[in-house]
Amino acid sequence: MGKLIYLMNVSLDGFVAKPDGSLDWTNVDDELHSWFAEHQRGLSASLYGRRLYELMSAYWPTSDSDPDATEPMREYGRSWRATPRIVFSSTLESVDHNSRLATGDIGEELARVRQEFDGDLEVAGPTLAKSFIRRALVDAFGLVVHPVVLGAGITFFPELESPIRLRQIATHTFESGVVYVGYERA
């Protein structure tokens, strides 16, 4: 059975988005797009929350037709489209683009997905991830830390009743000053 990985862009002070949900503070250049594409290719499936699914599906299904898209962006778009997505939502009635809905208990849905897919899974979206984290279902955490301090916003981690002990498993520094740090449960 593969790992459940939670990986997102994050500010130096631990936020994944501004209070209004915007991501205009990130510096996702060609080097980072290529890195994300490689990561995406290593996944068997992605588990999405509604908001991030809507944000991503507004662009990536048709990213090849964007005249301003660079080759690394197109590469990421291809890997994103190829990865099956399970979208957790109680409000959406349908999803597209190699996706399907999950509306049940997250633990039960995850058990079904793990039976279907042998490899690594990614949980995408901070609200959904926080639900998995609170139930101790996330095996690994990836923080793509951008050199910016937001001061407020949507946090990467939820409030916890007790610490989660982690062991560092990877680091990578990008030319832009962005740093990836990977951890797994100790």
N, C-alpha and C. Protein backbone atom coordinates (compact mmCIF):
# COMPACT_ATOMS: atom_id res chain seq x y z
N MET A 1 0.85 -1.18 0.00
CA MET A 1 0.00 0.00 0.00
C MET A 1 0.89 1.24 0.00
N GLY A 2 0.53 2.20 -0.83
CA GLY A 2 1.29 3.44 -0.92
C GLY A 2 0.99 4.38 0.24
N LYS A 3 1.70 5.48 0.24
CA LYS A 3 1.52 6.50 1.27
C LYS A 3 0.44 7.49 0.87
N LEU A 4 -0.17 8.13 1.86
CA LEU A 4 -1.03 9.29 1.62
C LEU A 4 -0.17 10.51 1.93
N ILE A 5 0.07 11.32 0.89
CA ILE A 5 0.98 12.46 0.96
C ILE A 5 0.19 13.76 0.87
N TYR A 6 0.51 14.69 1.74
CA TYR A 6 -0.07 16.03 1.69
C TYR A 6 1.04 16.99 1.31
N LEU A 7 0.96 17.58 0.11
CA LEU A 7 2.00 18.46 -0.40
C LEU A 7 1.34 19.72 -0.96
N MET A 8 1.84 20.87 -0.53
CA MET A 8 1.32 22.14 -1.04
C MET A 8 2.39 23.22 -0.98
N ASN A 9 2.18 24.26 -1.78
CA ASN A 9 2.95 25.48 -1.64
C ASN A 9 2.56 26.10 -0.31
N VAL A 10 3.55 26.66 0.39
CA VAL A 10 3.29 27.25 1.70
C VAL A 10 4.20 28.46 1.89
N SER A 11 3.69 29.45 2.58
CA SER A 11 4.51 30.62 2.91
C SER A 11 5.44 30.26 4.06
N LEU A 12 6.43 31.09 4.28
CA LEU A 12 7.38 30.85 5.36
C LEU A 12 6.69 30.78 6.72
N ASP A 13 5.56 31.49 6.86
CA ASP A 13 4.84 31.47 8.13
C ASP A 13 3.67 30.48 8.14
N GLY A 14 3.67 29.53 7.20
CA GLY A 14 2.76 28.40 7.30
C GLY A 14 1.40 28.51 6.64
N PHE A 15 1.23 29.46 5.73
CA PHE A 15 -0.07 29.62 5.07
C PHE A 15 -0.02 29.10 3.63
N VAL A 16 -1.11 28.46 3.19
CA VAL A 16 -1.19 27.94 1.82
C VAL A 16 -1.96 28.88 0.90
N ALA A 17 -2.62 29.86 1.47
CA ALA A 17 -3.36 30.86 0.69
C ALA A 17 -3.58 32.09 1.56
N LYS A 18 -3.83 33.21 0.90
CA LYS A 18 -4.19 34.42 1.62
C LYS A 18 -5.58 34.24 2.24
N PRO A 19 -6.00 35.13 3.12
CA PRO A 19 -7.33 34.98 3.72
C PRO A 19 -8.46 34.89 2.69
N ASP A 20 -8.30 35.52 1.52
CA ASP A 20 -9.33 35.45 0.48
C ASP A 20 -9.17 34.23 -0.42
N GLY A 21 -8.20 33.37 -0.12
CA GLY A 21 -7.97 32.16 -0.89
C GLY A 21 -7.01 32.34 -2.06
N SER A 22 -6.52 33.54 -2.29
CA SER A 22 -5.68 33.77 -3.46
C SER A 22 -4.28 33.18 -3.27
N LEU A 23 -3.67 32.88 -4.41
CA LEU A 23 -2.34 32.27 -4.44
C LEU A 23 -1.34 33.13 -5.18
N ASP A 24 -1.63 34.42 -5.34
CA ASP A 24 -0.78 35.29 -6.14
C ASP A 24 0.59 35.54 -5.53
N TRP A 25 0.84 35.05 -4.36
CA TRP A 25 2.12 35.21 -3.68
C TRP A 25 3.12 34.10 -4.04
N THR A 26 2.65 33.05 -4.70
CA THR A 26 3.54 31.93 -5.03
C THR A 26 4.43 32.29 -6.22
N ASN A 27 5.58 31.62 -6.28
CA ASN A 27 6.52 31.84 -7.37
C ASN A 27 6.72 30.49 -8.07
N VAL A 28 5.72 30.07 -8.84
CA VAL A 28 5.79 28.79 -9.53
C VAL A 28 6.33 29.03 -10.94
N ASP A 29 7.65 28.88 -11.07
CA ASP A 29 8.32 29.11 -12.34
C ASP A 29 8.47 27.78 -13.08
N ASP A 30 9.19 27.78 -14.20
CA ASP A 30 9.35 26.57 -15.00
C ASP A 30 10.03 25.44 -14.22
N GLU A 31 11.04 25.77 -13.44
CA GLU A 31 11.73 24.74 -12.66
C GLU A 31 10.76 24.06 -11.69
N LEU A 32 9.93 24.84 -11.04
CA LEU A 32 8.98 24.29 -10.08
C LEU A 32 7.86 23.52 -10.79
N HIS A 33 7.39 24.03 -11.94
CA HIS A 33 6.39 23.28 -12.70
C HIS A 33 6.92 21.91 -13.10
N SER A 34 8.16 21.83 -13.54
CA SER A 34 8.76 20.55 -13.90
C SER A 34 8.85 19.62 -12.70
N TRP A 35 9.22 20.16 -11.54
CA TRP A 35 9.30 19.37 -10.32
C TRP A 35 7.93 18.84 -9.93
N PHE A 36 6.91 19.71 -9.98
CA PHE A 36 5.55 19.28 -9.65
C PHE A 36 5.06 18.22 -10.64
N ALA A 37 5.41 18.35 -11.92
CA ALA A 37 5.01 17.35 -12.92
C ALA A 37 5.62 16.00 -12.59
N GLU A 38 6.89 15.98 -12.22
CA GLU A 38 7.56 14.73 -11.84
C GLU A 38 6.88 14.12 -10.61
N HIS A 39 6.57 14.94 -9.63
CA HIS A 39 5.86 14.46 -8.44
C HIS A 39 4.51 13.86 -8.83
N GLN A 40 3.77 14.57 -9.68
CA GLN A 40 2.44 14.14 -10.11
C GLN A 40 2.50 12.78 -10.81
N ARG A 41 3.52 12.58 -11.63
CA ARG A 41 3.66 11.30 -12.35
C ARG A 41 3.88 10.13 -11.41
N GLY A 42 4.37 10.39 -10.20
CA GLY A 42 4.61 9.32 -9.23
C GLY A 42 3.39 8.94 -8.42
N LEU A 43 2.26 9.59 -8.66
CA LEU A 43 1.05 9.32 -7.89
C LEU A 43 0.13 8.35 -8.61
N SER A 44 -0.57 7.53 -7.86
CA SER A 44 -1.60 6.66 -8.44
C SER A 44 -2.92 7.41 -8.57
N ALA A 45 -3.19 8.33 -7.64
CA ALA A 45 -4.42 9.13 -7.67
C ALA A 45 -4.26 10.32 -6.73
N SER A 46 -5.12 11.32 -6.94
CA SER A 46 -5.15 12.50 -6.07
C SER A 46 -6.53 12.61 -5.45
N LEU A 47 -6.55 13.00 -4.18
CA LEU A 47 -7.80 13.23 -3.46
C LEU A 47 -7.94 14.74 -3.29
N TYR A 48 -8.98 15.29 -3.87
CA TYR A 48 -9.15 16.74 -3.89
C TYR A 48 -10.32 17.19 -3.04
N GLY A 49 -10.14 18.33 -2.39
CA GLY A 49 -11.25 19.05 -1.81
C GLY A 49 -11.93 19.86 -2.91
N ARG A 50 -13.15 20.28 -2.68
CA ARG A 50 -13.92 20.97 -3.71
C ARG A 50 -13.25 22.25 -4.20
N ARG A 51 -12.82 23.11 -3.29
CA ARG A 51 -12.28 24.41 -3.72
C ARG A 51 -11.03 24.27 -4.58
N LEU A 52 -10.10 23.42 -4.17
CA LEU A 52 -8.89 23.26 -4.97
C LEU A 52 -9.20 22.57 -6.29
N TYR A 53 -10.13 21.62 -6.27
CA TYR A 53 -10.53 20.98 -7.53
C TYR A 53 -11.09 22.02 -8.50
N GLU A 54 -11.96 22.90 -8.01
CA GLU A 54 -12.53 23.92 -8.89
C GLU A 54 -11.45 24.86 -9.42
N LEU A 55 -10.49 25.22 -8.58
CA LEU A 55 -9.40 26.10 -9.01
C LEU A 55 -8.54 25.41 -10.08
N MET A 56 -8.15 24.18 -9.82
CA MET A 56 -7.27 23.46 -10.75
C MET A 56 -8.00 23.10 -12.05
N SER A 57 -9.24 22.68 -11.96
CA SER A 57 -9.97 22.25 -13.16
C SER A 57 -10.41 23.43 -14.02
N ALA A 58 -10.26 24.65 -13.52
CA ALA A 58 -10.57 25.82 -14.33
C ALA A 58 -9.46 26.10 -15.36
N TYR A 59 -8.26 25.55 -15.14
CA TYR A 59 -7.16 25.84 -16.05
C TYR A 59 -6.50 24.60 -16.65
N TRP A 60 -6.14 23.61 -15.83
CA TRP A 60 -5.27 22.54 -16.29
C TRP A 60 -5.86 21.61 -17.35
N PRO A 61 -7.17 21.40 -17.43
CA PRO A 61 -7.68 20.55 -18.51
C PRO A 61 -7.41 21.10 -19.91
N THR A 62 -7.27 22.41 -20.02
CA THR A 62 -7.07 23.03 -21.34
C THR A 62 -5.75 23.81 -21.41
N SER A 63 -4.83 23.52 -20.50
CA SER A 63 -3.59 24.31 -20.44
C SER A 63 -2.75 24.22 -21.72
N ASP A 64 -2.89 23.14 -22.47
CA ASP A 64 -2.13 23.03 -23.72
C ASP A 64 -2.53 24.08 -24.75
N SER A 65 -3.75 24.58 -24.64
CA SER A 65 -4.21 25.57 -25.61
C SER A 65 -3.86 27.01 -25.20
N ASP A 66 -3.27 27.20 -24.04
CA ASP A 66 -2.87 28.53 -23.59
C ASP A 66 -1.60 28.95 -24.33
N PRO A 67 -1.65 30.00 -25.15
CA PRO A 67 -0.46 30.41 -25.90
C PRO A 67 0.67 30.90 -25.00
N ASP A 68 0.36 31.28 -23.77
CA ASP A 68 1.38 31.75 -22.84
C ASP A 68 1.98 30.64 -22.00
N ALA A 69 1.46 29.42 -22.11
CA ALA A 69 1.96 28.30 -21.31
C ALA A 69 3.34 27.89 -21.82
N THR A 70 4.23 27.68 -20.89
CA THR A 70 5.57 27.19 -21.23
C THR A 70 5.52 25.67 -21.34
N GLU A 71 6.58 25.08 -21.87
CA GLU A 71 6.62 23.62 -21.98
C GLU A 71 6.52 22.95 -20.60
N PRO A 72 7.21 23.44 -19.56
CA PRO A 72 7.03 22.82 -18.24
C PRO A 72 5.58 22.93 -17.72
N MET A 73 4.88 24.01 -18.06
CA MET A 73 3.47 24.12 -17.67
C MET A 73 2.64 23.07 -18.42
N ARG A 74 2.92 22.90 -19.71
CA ARG A 74 2.20 21.89 -20.50
C ARG A 74 2.49 20.49 -19.96
N GLU A 75 3.75 20.27 -19.59
CA GLU A 75 4.16 18.98 -19.01
C GLU A 75 3.36 18.71 -17.73
N TYR A 76 3.26 19.72 -16.87
CA TYR A 76 2.47 19.55 -15.64
C TYR A 76 1.01 19.28 -15.99
N GLY A 77 0.47 20.02 -16.93
CA GLY A 77 -0.93 19.82 -17.34
C GLY A 77 -1.19 18.40 -17.81
N ARG A 78 -0.27 17.85 -18.59
CA ARG A 78 -0.42 16.46 -19.05
C ARG A 78 -0.41 15.49 -17.89
N SER A 79 0.49 15.69 -16.94
CA SER A 79 0.56 14.77 -15.80
C SER A 79 -0.67 14.95 -14.90
N TRP A 80 -1.15 16.18 -14.76
CA TRP A 80 -2.36 16.42 -13.96
C TRP A 80 -3.56 15.72 -14.59
N ARG A 81 -3.71 15.84 -15.90
CA ARG A 81 -4.86 15.22 -16.59
C ARG A 81 -4.80 13.70 -16.52
N ALA A 82 -3.60 13.13 -16.51
CA ALA A 82 -3.45 11.67 -16.51
C ALA A 82 -3.72 11.05 -15.13
N THR A 83 -3.63 11.84 -14.08
CA THR A 83 -3.81 11.31 -12.73
C THR A 83 -5.28 11.28 -12.36
N PRO A 84 -5.82 10.12 -12.00
CA PRO A 84 -7.22 10.07 -11.55
C PRO A 84 -7.40 10.91 -10.29
N ARG A 85 -8.56 11.55 -10.19
CA ARG A 85 -8.88 12.38 -9.04
C ARG A 85 -10.18 11.91 -8.39
N ILE A 86 -10.16 11.88 -7.07
CA ILE A 86 -11.36 11.63 -6.29
C ILE A 86 -11.64 12.95 -5.57
N VAL A 87 -12.79 13.54 -5.84
CA VAL A 87 -13.13 14.85 -5.31
C VAL A 87 -14.13 14.69 -4.16
N PHE A 88 -13.72 15.13 -2.98
CA PHE A 88 -14.56 15.04 -1.79
C PHE A 88 -15.40 16.31 -1.71
N SER A 89 -16.72 16.15 -1.82
CA SER A 89 -17.62 17.31 -1.78
C SER A 89 -19.02 16.86 -1.41
N SER A 90 -19.66 17.69 -0.61
CA SER A 90 -21.07 17.46 -0.31
C SER A 90 -21.96 18.40 -1.11
N THR A 91 -21.35 19.28 -1.91
CA THR A 91 -22.14 20.26 -2.67
C THR A 91 -22.09 20.06 -4.18
N LEU A 92 -20.99 19.52 -4.69
CA LEU A 92 -20.90 19.29 -6.13
C LEU A 92 -21.81 18.12 -6.53
N GLU A 93 -22.41 18.25 -7.70
CA GLU A 93 -23.26 17.17 -8.21
C GLU A 93 -22.52 16.33 -9.24
N SER A 94 -21.50 16.90 -9.88
CA SER A 94 -20.72 16.16 -10.86
C SER A 94 -19.34 16.78 -10.97
N VAL A 95 -18.41 15.97 -11.49
CA VAL A 95 -17.04 16.43 -11.76
C VAL A 95 -16.62 15.86 -13.11
N ASP A 96 -15.61 16.49 -13.71
CA ASP A 96 -15.11 16.09 -15.02
C ASP A 96 -13.61 15.81 -14.92
N HIS A 97 -13.02 15.62 -16.09
CA HIS A 97 -11.57 15.60 -16.23
C HIS A 97 -10.91 14.47 -15.43
N ASN A 98 -11.29 13.23 -15.70
CA ASN A 98 -10.66 12.08 -15.04
C ASN A 98 -10.89 12.11 -13.53
N SER A 99 -12.06 12.60 -13.13
CA SER A 99 -12.39 12.75 -11.71
C SER A 99 -13.70 12.05 -11.39
N ARG A 100 -13.86 11.73 -10.12
CA ARG A 100 -15.14 11.21 -9.64
C ARG A 100 -15.40 11.75 -8.24
N LEU A 101 -16.66 11.76 -7.85
CA LEU A 101 -17.06 12.31 -6.56
C LEU A 101 -16.95 11.27 -5.45
N ALA A 102 -16.63 11.75 -4.26
CA ALA A 102 -16.69 10.96 -3.03
C ALA A 102 -17.50 11.79 -2.04
N THR A 103 -18.55 11.21 -1.53
CA THR A 103 -19.43 11.98 -0.64
C THR A 103 -19.59 11.35 0.74
N GLY A 104 -18.96 10.20 0.96
CA GLY A 104 -19.11 9.51 2.24
C GLY A 104 -18.08 9.94 3.25
N ASP A 105 -18.00 9.18 4.33
CA ASP A 105 -17.02 9.39 5.39
C ASP A 105 -15.61 9.32 4.80
N ILE A 106 -14.75 10.26 5.16
CA ILE A 106 -13.43 10.32 4.54
C ILE A 106 -12.59 9.07 4.82
N GLY A 107 -12.71 8.52 6.01
CA GLY A 107 -11.96 7.31 6.33
C GLY A 107 -12.40 6.12 5.49
N GLU A 108 -13.72 5.98 5.34
CA GLU A 108 -14.25 4.88 4.53
C GLU A 108 -13.91 5.09 3.05
N GLU A 109 -14.02 6.33 2.58
CA GLU A 109 -13.68 6.61 1.18
C GLU A 109 -12.20 6.34 0.92
N LEU A 110 -11.33 6.74 1.86
CA LEU A 110 -9.90 6.49 1.70
C LEU A 110 -9.62 4.99 1.66
N ALA A 111 -10.29 4.22 2.49
CA ALA A 111 -10.09 2.76 2.48
C ALA A 111 -10.47 2.17 1.11
N ARG A 112 -11.56 2.67 0.52
CA ARG A 112 -11.96 2.20 -0.81
C ARG A 112 -10.92 2.58 -1.87
N VAL A 113 -10.44 3.81 -1.79
CA VAL A 113 -9.44 4.27 -2.76
C VAL A 113 -8.15 3.46 -2.62
N ARG A 114 -7.75 3.16 -1.40
CA ARG A 114 -6.52 2.38 -1.18
C ARG A 114 -6.66 0.96 -1.71
N GLN A 115 -7.87 0.42 -1.72
CA GLN A 115 -8.09 -0.90 -2.32
C GLN A 115 -7.98 -0.83 -3.84
N GLU A 116 -8.38 0.30 -4.41
CA GLU A 116 -8.38 0.45 -5.86
C GLU A 116 -7.00 0.80 -6.42
N PHE A 117 -6.24 1.62 -5.70
CA PHE A 117 -4.94 2.10 -6.17
C PHE A 117 -3.83 1.61 -5.24
N ASP A 118 -2.82 0.97 -5.82
CA ASP A 118 -1.73 0.40 -5.02
C ASP A 118 -0.67 1.42 -4.59
N GLY A 119 -0.45 2.44 -5.39
CA GLY A 119 0.67 3.34 -5.15
C GLY A 119 0.33 4.51 -4.25
N ASP A 120 1.19 5.52 -4.32
CA ASP A 120 1.04 6.70 -3.49
C ASP A 120 -0.18 7.52 -3.92
N LEU A 121 -0.82 8.10 -2.91
CA LEU A 121 -1.97 8.98 -3.11
C LEU A 121 -1.60 10.34 -2.55
N GLU A 122 -2.19 11.38 -3.13
CA GLU A 122 -1.95 12.73 -2.64
C GLU A 122 -3.27 13.33 -2.21
N VAL A 123 -3.27 13.96 -1.05
CA VAL A 123 -4.43 14.73 -0.64
C VAL A 123 -4.14 16.18 -1.00
N ALA A 124 -5.04 16.78 -1.78
CA ALA A 124 -4.84 18.12 -2.32
C ALA A 124 -5.94 19.05 -1.83
N GLY A 125 -5.55 20.04 -1.10
CA GLY A 125 -6.49 21.00 -0.56
C GLY A 125 -6.41 21.02 0.95
N PRO A 126 -6.21 22.18 1.55
CA PRO A 126 -5.97 22.25 2.99
C PRO A 126 -7.15 21.83 3.85
N THR A 127 -8.36 22.13 3.45
CA THR A 127 -9.51 21.76 4.29
C THR A 127 -9.66 20.25 4.35
N LEU A 128 -9.60 19.60 3.19
CA LEU A 128 -9.67 18.14 3.16
C LEU A 128 -8.49 17.54 3.90
N ALA A 129 -7.29 18.05 3.66
CA ALA A 129 -6.09 17.51 4.32
C ALA A 129 -6.22 17.60 5.83
N LYS A 130 -6.75 18.69 6.33
CA LYS A 130 -6.89 18.84 7.79
C LYS A 130 -7.78 17.74 8.36
N SER A 131 -8.81 17.34 7.64
CA SER A 131 -9.66 16.24 8.10
C SER A 131 -8.88 14.94 8.16
N PHE A 132 -8.06 14.68 7.15
CA PHE A 132 -7.23 13.47 7.15
C PHE A 132 -6.17 13.53 8.26
N ILE A 133 -5.57 14.71 8.46
CA ILE A 133 -4.53 14.87 9.49
C ILE A 133 -5.11 14.61 10.87
N ARG A 134 -6.28 15.17 11.15
CA ARG A 134 -6.91 14.98 12.47
C ARG A 134 -7.20 13.51 12.77
N ARG A 135 -7.39 12.73 11.73
CA ARG A 135 -7.64 11.29 11.90
C ARG A 135 -6.36 10.46 11.78
N ALA A 136 -5.22 11.13 11.72
CA ALA A 136 -3.91 10.48 11.62
C ALA A 136 -3.80 9.58 10.39
N LEU A 137 -4.38 10.02 9.26
CA LEU A 137 -4.37 9.24 8.03
C LEU A 137 -3.29 9.67 7.04
N VAL A 138 -2.65 10.81 7.27
CA VAL A 138 -1.60 11.30 6.37
C VAL A 138 -0.27 10.69 6.79
N ASP A 139 0.42 10.07 5.82
CA ASP A 139 1.69 9.40 6.09
C ASP A 139 2.90 10.30 5.88
N ALA A 140 2.79 11.25 4.93
CA ALA A 140 3.93 12.10 4.59
C ALA A 140 3.45 13.51 4.28
N PHE A 141 4.31 14.47 4.57
CA PHE A 141 3.99 15.89 4.37
C PHE A 141 5.08 16.50 3.51
N GLY A 142 4.66 17.27 2.50
CA GLY A 142 5.60 17.99 1.65
C GLY A 142 5.27 19.46 1.67
N LEU A 143 6.21 20.25 2.10
CA LEU A 143 6.03 21.70 2.14
C LEU A 143 6.94 22.33 1.10
N VAL A 144 6.35 23.02 0.14
CA VAL A 144 7.09 23.75 -0.87
C VAL A 144 7.08 25.20 -0.39
N VAL A 145 8.13 25.57 0.33
CA VAL A 145 8.17 26.82 1.10
C VAL A 145 8.67 27.95 0.21
N HIS A 146 7.82 28.97 0.08
CA HIS A 146 8.15 30.15 -0.71
C HIS A 146 8.68 31.24 0.21
N PRO A 147 9.67 32.01 -0.25
CA PRO A 147 10.27 33.05 0.59
C PRO A 147 9.38 34.28 0.69
N VAL A 148 8.26 34.10 1.37
CA VAL A 148 7.31 35.19 1.58
C VAL A 148 6.60 34.96 2.91
N VAL A 149 6.30 36.04 3.60
CA VAL A 149 5.54 35.98 4.85
C VAL A 149 4.20 36.65 4.60
N LEU A 150 3.11 35.91 4.79
CA LEU A 150 1.78 36.44 4.52
C LEU A 150 1.14 37.10 5.75
N GLY A 151 1.43 36.62 6.92
CA GLY A 151 0.87 37.22 8.12
C GLY A 151 -0.51 36.70 8.51
N ALA A 152 -1.23 36.17 7.55
CA ALA A 152 -2.58 35.62 7.82
C ALA A 152 -2.99 34.80 6.60
N GLY A 153 -3.98 33.95 6.79
CA GLY A 153 -4.48 33.18 5.68
C GLY A 153 -4.96 31.81 6.09
N ILE A 154 -4.94 30.90 5.14
CA ILE A 154 -5.37 29.52 5.35
C ILE A 154 -4.13 28.71 5.69
N THR A 155 -4.14 28.06 6.84
CA THR A 155 -2.96 27.36 7.32
C THR A 155 -2.77 26.00 6.65
N PHE A 156 -1.52 25.56 6.60
CA PHE A 156 -1.17 24.23 6.07
C PHE A 156 -1.66 23.14 7.04
N PHE A 157 -1.39 23.33 8.32
CA PHE A 157 -1.78 22.35 9.34
C PHE A 157 -3.00 22.83 10.10
N PRO A 158 -3.81 21.88 10.59
CA PRO A 158 -4.93 22.25 11.47
C PRO A 158 -4.42 22.48 12.89
N GLU A 159 -5.28 23.01 13.74
CA GLU A 159 -4.97 23.03 15.16
C GLU A 159 -5.02 21.58 15.63
N LEU A 160 -4.07 21.21 16.48
CA LEU A 160 -3.95 19.83 16.93
C LEU A 160 -4.04 19.74 18.45
N GLU A 161 -4.52 18.62 18.92
CA GLU A 161 -4.56 18.39 20.37
C GLU A 161 -3.24 17.86 20.88
N SER A 162 -2.45 17.23 20.00
CA SER A 162 -1.13 16.75 20.40
C SER A 162 -0.20 16.83 19.19
N PRO A 163 1.09 16.93 19.44
CA PRO A 163 2.05 17.06 18.34
C PRO A 163 2.08 15.83 17.44
N ILE A 164 2.47 16.06 16.20
CA ILE A 164 2.73 14.97 15.26
C ILE A 164 4.25 14.91 15.12
N ARG A 165 4.84 13.82 15.51
CA ARG A 165 6.30 13.65 15.41
C ARG A 165 6.64 13.24 13.97
N LEU A 166 7.60 13.95 13.38
CA LEU A 166 7.97 13.73 11.98
C LEU A 166 9.47 13.47 11.86
N ARG A 167 9.83 12.86 10.74
CA ARG A 167 11.22 12.61 10.38
C ARG A 167 11.44 13.18 8.99
N GLN A 168 12.46 14.02 8.83
CA GLN A 168 12.75 14.60 7.52
C GLN A 168 13.24 13.53 6.57
N ILE A 169 12.69 13.53 5.33
CA ILE A 169 13.09 12.52 4.34
C ILE A 169 13.67 13.13 3.07
N ALA A 170 13.46 14.44 2.85
CA ALA A 170 13.97 15.04 1.62
C ALA A 170 14.03 16.56 1.74
N THR A 171 14.94 17.15 0.97
CA THR A 171 14.98 18.60 0.78
C THR A 171 15.45 18.88 -0.64
N HIS A 172 15.00 19.99 -1.15
CA HIS A 172 15.47 20.44 -2.46
C HIS A 172 15.33 21.96 -2.51
N THR A 173 16.38 22.64 -2.91
CA THR A 173 16.34 24.09 -3.05
C THR A 173 16.29 24.44 -4.53
N PHE A 174 15.34 25.29 -4.89
CA PHE A 174 15.17 25.74 -6.27
C PHE A 174 15.90 27.06 -6.47
N GLU A 175 16.24 27.36 -7.72
CA GLU A 175 16.97 28.60 -8.03
C GLU A 175 16.22 29.85 -7.56
N SER A 176 14.90 29.78 -7.52
CA SER A 176 14.07 30.92 -7.12
C SER A 176 14.14 31.22 -5.63
N GLY A 177 14.74 30.32 -4.84
CA GLY A 177 14.75 30.48 -3.39
C GLY A 177 13.66 29.66 -2.72
N VAL A 178 12.78 29.04 -3.49
CA VAL A 178 11.78 28.13 -2.94
C VAL A 178 12.50 26.87 -2.46
N VAL A 179 12.04 26.32 -1.34
CA VAL A 179 12.66 25.13 -0.77
C VAL A 179 11.58 24.08 -0.51
N TYR A 180 11.82 22.87 -1.01
CA TYR A 180 10.93 21.73 -0.69
C TYR A 180 11.51 20.99 0.50
N VAL A 181 10.64 20.69 1.47
CA VAL A 181 11.03 19.88 2.61
C VAL A 181 9.99 18.78 2.77
N GLY A 182 10.44 17.53 2.77
CA GLY A 182 9.55 16.39 2.91
C GLY A 182 9.74 15.71 4.25
N TYR A 183 8.63 15.29 4.85
CA TYR A 183 8.64 14.61 6.14
C TYR A 183 7.71 13.41 6.09
N GLU A 184 7.98 12.43 6.93
CA GLU A 184 7.04 11.34 7.15
C GLU A 184 6.87 11.18 8.65
N ARG A 185 5.82 10.46 9.02
CA ARG A 185 5.58 10.23 10.44
C ARG A 185 6.75 9.47 11.03
N ALA A 186 7.17 9.89 12.21
CA ALA A 186 8.31 9.24 12.89
C ALA A 186 7.87 7.90 13.47
